[in-house]
Amino acid sequence: MLQPATRSAAQPSPNTAISTTDAHQESGHPPTAMRKSTALAYAKDVRLFIQAGGAIPCDAALALRYIAAMRQTIAPTTLHRRLMAVAHEHRARGLPSPIDDPTVRPLVRALQLGHVLGKDLSIPATKSKAHRAKASLPITRRLLGTVLEYMHRNMKDRRDRACLLLGFAAAMKRSELAALRVSDIRFTPDAMIVLLRDRRTREDDDPDASDAKRGRRVALALSGGELCAGRAVREWIEHAALESDPGLPLFCRFDRGGDPTEEPLNAAWISVIVKNRLKAAGIDPSAYSAEGLRNGRRLEAAKGVIL
C-alpha cells in the first residue's frame, strides 16, 4: 500500500468521496455540465485510488508513487483516466491538482498515448504493441446491406441509417459527419449535395466565404434503393422535422428517454453506432469502427462499383 501524504486537520478526509455537485458547492464554483455517467465513473476511480493507498488531497510525490505502483497492474489509458479523476476531485474541492505538477504531467501524457512506463517511470519512445491503433476492416456494400436488414424505422433507426449510408457513400470522416448541419444538405431532382467540413471550419463564422474555405461539396445520386444515402437522409430530415431550423445538427444526440435533442452527435459516438449496429446483426464488431465506412467505400471504388 502507498503511504498517503500528511494532511492538516483542516483538510477533508481522503476516505470520503464527494459528488460533483457537492464539490462545486464546497469550492464555490458553479456546477459543470458533466454527464451523470462520467461523474459516477470519476467517483469510482477516486475510490479505487484511495483504496490503493492514495489520498485526497495528495501531492506530486504521492501521485508518482501511485503511478509507479500501478504502471504494470492496469492499462495505461485506464491509469490515465484514474489520474484525471483525481485531478478533477482536487479542482472540485478548490485544491491544487498534483497532476499539474511538472514532474507528473509528462507521465500522464505518456499514459494517455498508451505508453507502458518503465520501472523508473521512463517514457518509451514508441507505444506498446498492445496499444497501437489498428485500422478498421472495410464495411462493404454487402455488409452494410446486412446491417440495414436488422434496423427498423423508429427515430433512432432512421438517424443511424442515414448516418451509416452517408458516411459510406461520401467516404466521410467521422468528424465531418458529426459537424454536419441541416443547412449543409441540399436536394436537387436527381442528387443530394452535401457540404463537408469538420469541427475546424464553421459555416456561420463567415457565411460569405467561398466553398473552398467553408469545406468541399459532394454530389450523391438519388437512386432510391435501400443503400441510397440521399433517400435515407431525406427520410430522417422529414421524420425528425429538421427543416424548421437549418442550423440544427443533422445528426443529433438522444436523451435517456429516447427523444432527440438539439445537441450534435459526438464524433467518437459514430464508431459506437457502427459497432452497436454490427453487433445487432450478429457480427463481431471488435475489428470495425467508423473508419470502416470510408475503407469500404474506397474498396468498392477500387472494384469499379458506382453508387
Protein backbone atom coordinates (compact mmCIF):
# COMPACT_ATOMS: atom_id res chain seq x y z
CA MET A 1 0.00 0.00 0.00
CA LEU A 2 1.11 3.55 -0.67
CA GLN A 3 1.86 5.85 2.20
CA PRO A 4 -0.56 8.80 1.98
CA ALA A 5 0.73 12.32 2.25
CA THR A 6 0.35 14.05 5.62
CA ARG A 7 -2.84 16.07 5.88
CA SER A 8 -3.65 19.01 8.06
CA ALA A 9 -6.69 18.83 10.34
CA ALA A 10 -8.49 21.38 8.19
CA GLN A 11 -8.26 19.27 5.05
CA PRO A 12 -11.11 16.90 4.09
CA SER A 13 -10.80 13.23 4.88
CA PRO A 14 -9.48 11.09 1.99
CA ASN A 15 -11.89 8.32 2.86
CA THR A 16 -14.96 10.34 1.95
CA ALA A 17 -15.71 10.75 -1.73
CA ILE A 18 -17.99 13.67 -2.55
CA SER A 19 -20.25 14.17 -5.53
CA THR A 20 -19.51 16.61 -8.33
CA THR A 21 -22.30 18.93 -7.22
CA ASP A 22 -21.22 18.85 -3.57
CA ALA A 23 -17.64 19.51 -4.60
CA HIS A 24 -18.56 22.64 -6.50
CA GLN A 25 -20.76 23.83 -3.67
CA GLU A 26 -17.87 23.49 -1.25
CA SER A 27 -15.42 25.25 -3.56
CA GLY A 28 -17.88 27.99 -4.51
CA HIS A 29 -17.52 27.16 -8.20
CA PRO A 30 -20.61 26.73 -10.40
CA PRO A 31 -21.54 23.12 -11.25
CA THR A 32 -20.15 21.82 -14.52
CA ALA A 33 -22.20 20.15 -17.25
CA MET A 34 -20.63 16.76 -16.52
CA ARG A 35 -22.75 13.83 -17.58
CA LYS A 36 -24.02 11.60 -14.77
CA SER A 37 -22.21 8.57 -16.19
CA THR A 38 -18.91 10.49 -16.22
CA ALA A 39 -19.42 11.71 -12.66
CA LEU A 40 -20.10 8.16 -11.48
CA ALA A 41 -17.02 6.84 -13.30
CA TYR A 42 -14.85 9.57 -11.76
CA ALA A 43 -16.22 8.81 -8.29
CA LYS A 44 -15.36 5.13 -8.72
CA ASP A 45 -11.84 5.97 -9.93
CA VAL A 46 -11.27 8.20 -6.90
CA ARG A 47 -12.41 5.39 -4.58
CA LEU A 48 -10.01 2.95 -6.26
CA PHE A 49 -7.21 5.49 -5.95
CA ILE A 50 -7.87 5.83 -2.21
CA GLN A 51 -8.16 2.06 -1.73
CA ALA A 52 -4.71 1.65 -3.29
CA GLY A 53 -3.23 3.96 -0.63
CA GLY A 54 -3.85 7.31 -2.27
CA ALA A 55 -5.39 10.29 -0.54
CA ILE A 56 -7.42 13.36 -1.32
CA PRO A 57 -5.67 15.75 -1.18
CA CYS A 58 -2.35 14.34 -2.32
CA ASP A 59 0.89 15.84 -3.54
CA ALA A 60 3.08 15.12 -6.58
CA ALA A 61 5.24 12.65 -4.66
CA LEU A 62 2.24 10.50 -3.74
CA ALA A 63 0.94 10.68 -7.32
CA LEU A 64 4.31 9.47 -8.62
CA ARG A 65 4.34 6.57 -6.13
CA TYR A 66 0.83 5.63 -7.25
CA ILE A 67 1.87 5.65 -10.92
CA ALA A 68 4.93 3.53 -10.12
CA ALA A 69 2.81 1.02 -8.20
CA MET A 70 0.09 0.74 -10.83
CA ARG A 71 2.01 1.09 -14.11
CA GLN A 72 2.16 -2.71 -14.67
CA THR A 73 -1.14 -3.52 -12.96
CA ILE A 74 -3.67 -1.65 -15.11
CA ALA A 75 -3.68 -0.45 -18.71
CA PRO A 76 -2.01 2.93 -19.39
CA THR A 77 -5.24 4.53 -20.59
CA THR A 78 -7.10 3.27 -17.51
CA LEU A 79 -4.38 4.66 -15.26
CA HIS A 80 -4.61 7.97 -17.14
CA ARG A 81 -8.37 8.13 -16.62
CA ARG A 82 -7.97 7.41 -12.91
CA LEU A 83 -5.45 10.22 -12.57
CA MET A 84 -7.82 12.55 -14.42
CA ALA A 85 -10.49 11.67 -11.86
CA VAL A 86 -8.07 12.53 -9.06
CA ALA A 87 -7.25 15.84 -10.75
CA HIS A 88 -10.94 16.63 -11.13
CA GLU A 89 -11.61 15.83 -7.47
CA HIS A 90 -8.88 18.25 -6.39
CA ARG A 91 -10.16 21.05 -8.62
CA ALA A 92 -13.74 20.45 -7.47
CA ARG A 93 -12.62 20.95 -3.87
CA GLY A 94 -10.67 24.07 -4.74
CA LEU A 95 -7.33 22.34 -4.21
CA PRO A 96 -4.22 22.40 -6.44
CA SER A 97 -4.04 19.27 -8.57
CA PRO A 98 -0.89 17.13 -8.25
CA ILE A 99 -1.40 16.08 -11.86
CA ASP A 100 -0.44 19.61 -12.93
CA ASP A 101 2.98 19.27 -11.32
CA PRO A 102 5.82 19.42 -13.92
CA THR A 103 7.19 16.07 -12.69
CA VAL A 104 3.83 14.33 -13.14
CA ARG A 105 2.36 15.95 -16.27
CA PRO A 106 4.69 14.27 -18.85
CA LEU A 107 3.95 10.85 -17.38
CA VAL A 108 0.21 11.46 -17.52
CA ARG A 109 0.51 12.49 -21.16
CA ALA A 110 2.52 9.34 -21.95
CA LEU A 111 -0.17 7.20 -20.31
CA GLN A 112 -2.84 8.97 -22.36
CA LEU A 113 -0.95 8.00 -25.52
CA GLY A 114 -0.86 4.35 -24.41
CA HIS A 115 2.78 4.10 -23.30
CA VAL A 116 3.72 1.50 -20.70
CA LEU A 117 6.13 3.28 -18.39
CA GLY A 118 9.45 1.72 -17.43
CA LYS A 119 10.38 0.62 -13.92
CA ASP A 120 11.97 4.01 -13.24
CA LEU A 121 8.94 5.76 -14.81
CA SER A 122 10.87 6.31 -18.01
CA ILE A 123 8.79 7.04 -21.12
CA PRO A 124 9.42 4.63 -24.04
CA ALA A 125 10.00 6.03 -27.50
CA THR A 126 7.01 4.18 -29.01
CA LYS A 127 3.69 2.81 -27.88
CA SER A 128 3.47 -0.71 -26.60
CA LYS A 129 2.32 -3.21 -29.21
CA ALA A 130 -0.89 -3.82 -27.30
CA HIS A 131 -1.91 -0.16 -27.58
CA ARG A 132 -1.10 0.64 -31.19
CA ALA A 133 -4.09 1.78 -33.19
CA LYS A 134 -5.50 -0.82 -35.56
CA ALA A 135 -7.07 0.03 -38.88
CA SER A 136 -10.74 -0.84 -39.19
CA LEU A 137 -11.85 -3.58 -41.53
CA PRO A 138 -13.80 -2.22 -44.51
CA ILE A 139 -17.59 -2.13 -44.32
CA THR A 140 -18.63 -3.16 -47.84
CA ARG A 141 -21.99 -2.73 -49.59
CA ARG A 142 -22.87 -6.33 -48.80
CA LEU A 143 -22.03 -5.98 -45.11
CA LEU A 144 -23.84 -2.67 -44.90
CA GLY A 145 -26.90 -4.23 -46.51
CA THR A 146 -26.88 -6.99 -43.88
CA VAL A 147 -26.72 -4.39 -41.08
CA LEU A 148 -29.65 -2.45 -42.54
CA GLU A 149 -31.82 -5.59 -42.58
CA TYR A 150 -31.76 -5.57 -38.78
CA MET A 151 -32.74 -1.91 -38.49
CA HIS A 152 -36.34 -0.77 -38.20
CA ARG A 153 -37.92 2.62 -38.85
CA ASN A 154 -38.13 4.29 -35.46
CA MET A 155 -36.48 7.66 -34.81
CA LYS A 156 -33.07 6.39 -33.76
CA ASP A 157 -33.01 3.76 -36.51
CA ARG A 158 -33.65 6.44 -39.12
CA ARG A 159 -30.84 8.59 -37.74
CA ASP A 160 -28.38 5.71 -37.67
CA ARG A 161 -29.41 4.50 -41.14
CA ALA A 162 -28.84 7.98 -42.61
CA CYS A 163 -25.54 8.34 -40.74
CA LEU A 164 -24.14 4.99 -41.89
CA LEU A 165 -25.23 5.34 -45.50
CA LEU A 166 -24.00 8.92 -45.82
CA GLY A 167 -20.66 8.11 -44.18
CA PHE A 168 -20.25 5.21 -46.61
CA ALA A 169 -21.45 6.90 -49.80
CA ALA A 170 -19.35 10.05 -49.33
CA ALA A 171 -16.38 8.26 -47.67
CA MET A 172 -16.62 10.78 -44.83
CA LYS A 173 -14.52 11.15 -41.72
CA ARG A 174 -16.47 10.80 -38.51
CA SER A 175 -15.62 14.43 -37.64
CA GLU A 176 -17.21 15.52 -40.92
CA LEU A 177 -20.34 13.50 -40.19
CA ALA A 178 -20.64 14.92 -36.68
CA ALA A 179 -20.16 18.51 -37.94
CA LEU A 180 -22.98 18.38 -40.50
CA ARG A 181 -25.96 20.68 -40.10
CA VAL A 182 -29.29 20.59 -41.86
CA SER A 183 -28.20 23.62 -43.92
CA ASP A 184 -25.31 21.57 -45.31
CA ILE A 185 -27.76 19.33 -47.18
CA ARG A 186 -29.43 20.40 -50.42
CA PHE A 187 -31.55 18.27 -52.74
CA THR A 188 -31.94 18.56 -56.50
CA PRO A 189 -34.29 16.40 -58.61
CA ASP A 190 -31.61 13.76 -59.09
CA ALA A 191 -28.93 14.34 -56.42
CA MET A 192 -28.16 15.26 -52.84
CA ILE A 193 -25.49 17.95 -52.44
CA VAL A 194 -23.52 17.75 -49.19
CA LEU A 195 -21.17 20.41 -47.82
CA LEU A 196 -18.43 18.55 -45.96
CA ARG A 197 -16.49 20.30 -43.22
CA ASP A 198 -15.03 19.32 -39.88
CA ARG A 199 -15.00 20.98 -36.48
CA ARG A 200 -12.33 23.47 -37.55
CA THR A 201 -14.38 25.00 -40.38
CA ARG A 202 -17.66 26.53 -39.33
CA GLU A 203 -20.02 27.93 -41.94
CA ASP A 204 -21.52 30.50 -39.56
CA ASP A 205 -18.10 32.03 -38.91
CA ASP A 206 -18.22 33.62 -42.34
CA PRO A 207 -21.42 32.99 -44.33
CA ASP A 208 -20.00 34.79 -47.37
CA ALA A 209 -16.84 32.67 -47.53
CA SER A 210 -16.18 30.60 -50.63
CA ASP A 211 -16.87 26.87 -50.69
CA ALA A 212 -13.12 26.25 -50.72
CA LYS A 213 -12.83 27.90 -47.30
CA ARG A 214 -16.07 26.53 -45.87
CA GLY A 215 -15.42 22.94 -46.96
CA ARG A 216 -15.98 20.79 -50.05
CA ARG A 217 -19.19 19.81 -51.77
CA VAL A 218 -20.07 16.26 -52.75
CA ALA A 219 -22.96 15.25 -55.01
CA LEU A 220 -24.59 11.88 -54.39
CA ALA A 221 -27.06 10.45 -56.91
CA LEU A 222 -30.61 9.70 -55.72
CA SER A 223 -31.03 6.08 -56.75
CA GLY A 224 -33.97 5.35 -54.46
CA GLY A 225 -32.63 1.93 -53.44
CA GLU A 226 -32.11 0.59 -49.94
CA LEU A 227 -28.48 1.75 -49.98
CA CYS A 228 -29.34 5.25 -51.24
CA ALA A 229 -27.86 7.76 -48.82
CA GLY A 230 -29.97 10.60 -50.20
CA ARG A 231 -33.20 8.70 -49.58
CA ALA A 232 -32.16 7.84 -46.01
CA VAL A 233 -31.09 11.40 -45.21
CA ARG A 234 -34.28 12.89 -46.65
CA GLU A 235 -36.44 10.45 -44.66
CA TRP A 236 -34.53 11.31 -41.47
CA ILE A 237 -34.89 15.06 -42.01
CA GLU A 238 -38.61 14.77 -42.71
CA HIS A 239 -39.30 12.33 -39.87
CA ALA A 240 -37.43 14.48 -37.32
CA ALA A 241 -38.91 17.73 -38.75
CA LEU A 242 -35.47 19.26 -39.08
CA GLU A 243 -36.43 21.55 -41.98
CA SER A 244 -37.83 24.06 -39.48
CA ASP A 245 -34.34 25.04 -38.29
CA PRO A 246 -31.48 24.70 -40.81
CA GLY A 247 -28.97 25.49 -38.07
CA LEU A 248 -29.68 22.27 -36.20
CA PRO A 249 -27.14 19.44 -36.31
CA LEU A 250 -28.05 16.86 -38.93
CA PHE A 251 -27.20 14.02 -36.55
CA CYS A 252 -28.27 14.80 -33.01
CA ARG A 253 -27.93 13.06 -29.70
CA PHE A 254 -30.85 11.35 -27.96
CA ASP A 255 -31.66 11.79 -24.28
CA ARG A 256 -32.17 8.94 -21.83
CA GLY A 257 -35.85 8.88 -22.66
CA GLY A 258 -35.13 8.17 -26.32
CA ASP A 259 -36.07 11.64 -27.56
CA PRO A 260 -33.84 13.66 -29.94
CA THR A 261 -32.11 16.75 -28.56
CA GLU A 262 -30.55 19.77 -30.26
CA GLU A 263 -27.05 18.65 -29.26
CA PRO A 264 -24.80 17.38 -32.09
CA LEU A 265 -23.69 13.78 -32.10
CA ASN A 266 -20.15 13.40 -30.77
CA ALA A 267 -17.68 12.22 -33.43
CA ALA A 268 -16.49 9.32 -31.26
CA TRP A 269 -20.09 8.12 -30.89
CA ILE A 270 -20.30 7.35 -34.60
CA SER A 271 -17.93 4.43 -34.07
CA VAL A 272 -20.20 3.30 -31.24
CA ILE A 273 -23.15 3.36 -33.64
CA VAL A 274 -21.18 1.28 -36.14
CA LYS A 275 -20.27 -1.31 -33.52
CA ASN A 276 -23.75 -1.46 -32.00
CA ARG A 277 -25.41 -1.97 -35.37
CA LEU A 278 -22.95 -4.67 -36.39
CA LYS A 279 -23.50 -6.45 -33.09
CA ALA A 280 -27.27 -6.28 -33.53
CA ALA A 281 -26.82 -8.01 -36.89
CA GLY A 282 -24.86 -10.84 -35.26
CA ILE A 283 -21.45 -9.64 -36.49
CA ASP A 284 -18.41 -9.35 -34.22
CA PRO A 285 -17.77 -5.58 -34.10
CA SER A 286 -14.32 -5.68 -32.49
CA ALA A 287 -12.41 -5.13 -35.75
CA TYR A 288 -14.68 -2.32 -37.03
CA SER A 289 -15.09 1.39 -36.41
CA ALA A 290 -16.41 4.46 -38.23
CA GLU A 291 -13.27 4.35 -40.38
CA GLY A 292 -14.62 1.11 -41.86
CA LEU A 293 -17.25 3.13 -43.76
CA ARG A 294 -14.54 5.10 -45.59
CA ASN A 295 -12.41 1.99 -46.11
CA GLY A 296 -15.37 0.10 -47.51
CA ARG A 297 -16.29 2.87 -49.96
CA ARG A 298 -12.71 3.06 -51.21
CA LEU A 299 -12.61 -0.68 -51.66
CA GLU A 300 -15.83 -0.60 -53.68
CA ALA A 301 -14.47 2.28 -55.78
CA ALA A 302 -11.30 0.29 -56.49
CA LYS A 303 -13.53 -2.50 -57.81
CA GLY A 304 -15.26 -0.01 -60.10
CA VAL A 305 -18.55 -0.02 -58.18
CA ILE A 306 -20.51 3.21 -58.70
CA LEU A 307 -23.19 4.10 -56.18
